[in-house]
Amino acid sequence: MVKQVALGPEAAAALQFLDRRQGEWYCTDCWADAIGIEGRVLHLLAVSMSMQEALAAGYRSKVDGPCRICDGSRLRAAGFKGYRSVQSLGRTSKT
């Protein structure tokens, strides 16, 4: 059974940002900076984007992935390990 959770306004803004830049990877830190919210707000969203349901909706994430803005160097320099990168693949269908 899949539990559906409503997205808050921050999550909706974050996904809209990715949808306007389909195919580009962003680390959660640069992603949060780009939309003007706190990075920890996006952490759970980024984790959920690694699930099959997110892939079916056109999103994915991975640990220690690339970033269009900083290429992950900003987070590595700060000592973060296991950060996530996120990407919009584009939606295949709207229902």
Protein backbone atom coordinates (compact mmCIF):
# COMPACT_ATOMS: atom_id res chain seq x y z
CA MET A 1 0.00 0.00 0.00
CA VAL A 2 1.33 3.44 -0.93
CA LYS A 3 0.65 6.31 1.45
CA GLN A 4 0.10 9.65 -0.27
CA VAL A 5 1.20 12.82 1.47
CA ALA A 6 0.24 16.33 0.41
CA LEU A 7 3.16 18.56 -0.55
CA GLY A 8 3.64 21.83 1.27
CA PRO A 9 4.30 25.11 -0.53
CA GLU A 10 8.09 24.76 -0.17
CA ALA A 11 8.07 21.32 -1.78
CA ALA A 12 5.82 22.52 -4.59
CA ALA A 13 8.17 25.45 -5.31
CA ALA A 14 11.17 23.10 -5.22
CA LEU A 15 9.63 20.70 -7.75
CA GLN A 16 8.59 23.58 -10.03
CA PHE A 17 12.20 24.79 -10.00
CA LEU A 18 13.41 21.34 -11.11
CA ASP A 19 10.68 21.04 -13.76
CA ARG A 20 11.87 24.28 -15.37
CA ARG A 21 15.39 22.78 -15.56
CA GLN A 22 14.72 19.22 -16.66
CA GLY A 23 17.74 16.97 -16.85
CA GLU A 24 19.97 19.16 -14.65
CA TRP A 25 21.27 17.86 -11.32
CA TYR A 26 21.32 20.00 -8.15
CA CYS A 27 22.67 19.16 -4.71
CA THR A 28 20.11 19.84 -1.99
CA ASP A 29 22.16 22.79 -0.68
CA CYS A 30 22.30 24.65 -4.02
CA TRP A 31 18.70 23.66 -4.77
CA ALA A 32 17.54 25.24 -1.50
CA ASP A 33 19.61 28.38 -2.14
CA ALA A 34 18.15 28.72 -5.64
CA ILE A 35 14.57 28.79 -4.37
CA GLY A 36 15.32 30.67 -1.16
CA ILE A 37 14.44 28.12 1.52
CA GLU A 38 16.36 26.27 4.21
CA GLY A 39 18.17 23.14 3.00
CA ARG A 40 16.91 20.82 5.70
CA VAL A 41 13.35 21.46 4.51
CA LEU A 42 14.26 19.69 1.25
CA HIS A 43 16.10 16.74 2.80
CA LEU A 44 13.05 14.47 3.18
CA LEU A 45 11.80 15.45 -0.26
CA ALA A 46 15.17 14.53 -1.76
CA VAL A 47 15.16 11.19 0.06
CA SER A 48 11.64 10.41 -1.18
CA MET A 49 12.76 11.17 -4.73
CA SER A 50 14.83 7.99 -4.67
CA MET A 51 11.68 5.83 -4.53
CA GLN A 52 10.01 4.12 -7.48
CA GLU A 53 6.92 6.32 -7.22
CA ALA A 54 9.05 9.44 -7.66
CA LEU A 55 10.78 7.93 -10.69
CA ALA A 56 7.38 7.19 -12.21
CA ALA A 57 6.44 10.84 -11.61
CA GLY A 58 9.61 12.03 -13.35
CA TYR A 59 12.02 12.74 -10.47
CA ARG A 60 15.07 11.04 -9.07
CA SER A 61 17.83 11.56 -6.55
CA LYS A 62 21.08 9.92 -5.67
CA VAL A 63 23.70 10.15 -2.96
CA ASP A 64 26.87 12.11 -3.77
CA GLY A 65 25.58 13.02 -7.22
CA PRO A 66 26.58 15.94 -9.41
CA CYS A 67 25.43 19.54 -9.07
CA ARG A 68 25.08 22.01 -11.94
CA ILE A 69 26.07 24.88 -9.67
CA CYS A 70 28.86 23.63 -7.39
CA ASP A 71 29.52 20.11 -8.75
CA GLY A 72 29.31 18.95 -5.12
CA SER A 73 32.56 20.69 -4.19
CA ARG A 74 30.86 23.10 -1.80
CA LEU A 75 29.42 20.28 0.30
CA ARG A 76 32.55 18.14 0.18
CA ALA A 77 34.65 21.10 1.36
CA ALA A 78 32.27 21.56 4.29
CA GLY A 79 32.74 17.89 5.24
CA PHE A 80 29.31 16.61 4.25
CA LYS A 81 29.15 12.99 3.26
CA GLY A 82 26.11 11.34 1.77
CA TYR A 83 24.40 14.49 0.53
CA ARG A 84 21.79 14.06 -2.19
CA SER A 85 21.48 15.41 -5.69
CA VAL A 86 18.08 15.71 -7.37
CA GLN A 87 16.86 15.85 -10.96
CA SER A 88 13.63 16.25 -12.92
CA LEU A 89 13.33 13.83 -15.81
CA GLY A 90 10.20 15.52 -17.12
CA ARG A 91 6.75 14.18 -16.59
CA THR A 92 5.63 11.49 -19.00
CA SER A 93 1.94 11.87 -18.18
CA LYS A 94 -0.23 14.26 -16.22
CA THR A 95 -3.17 12.83 -14.37
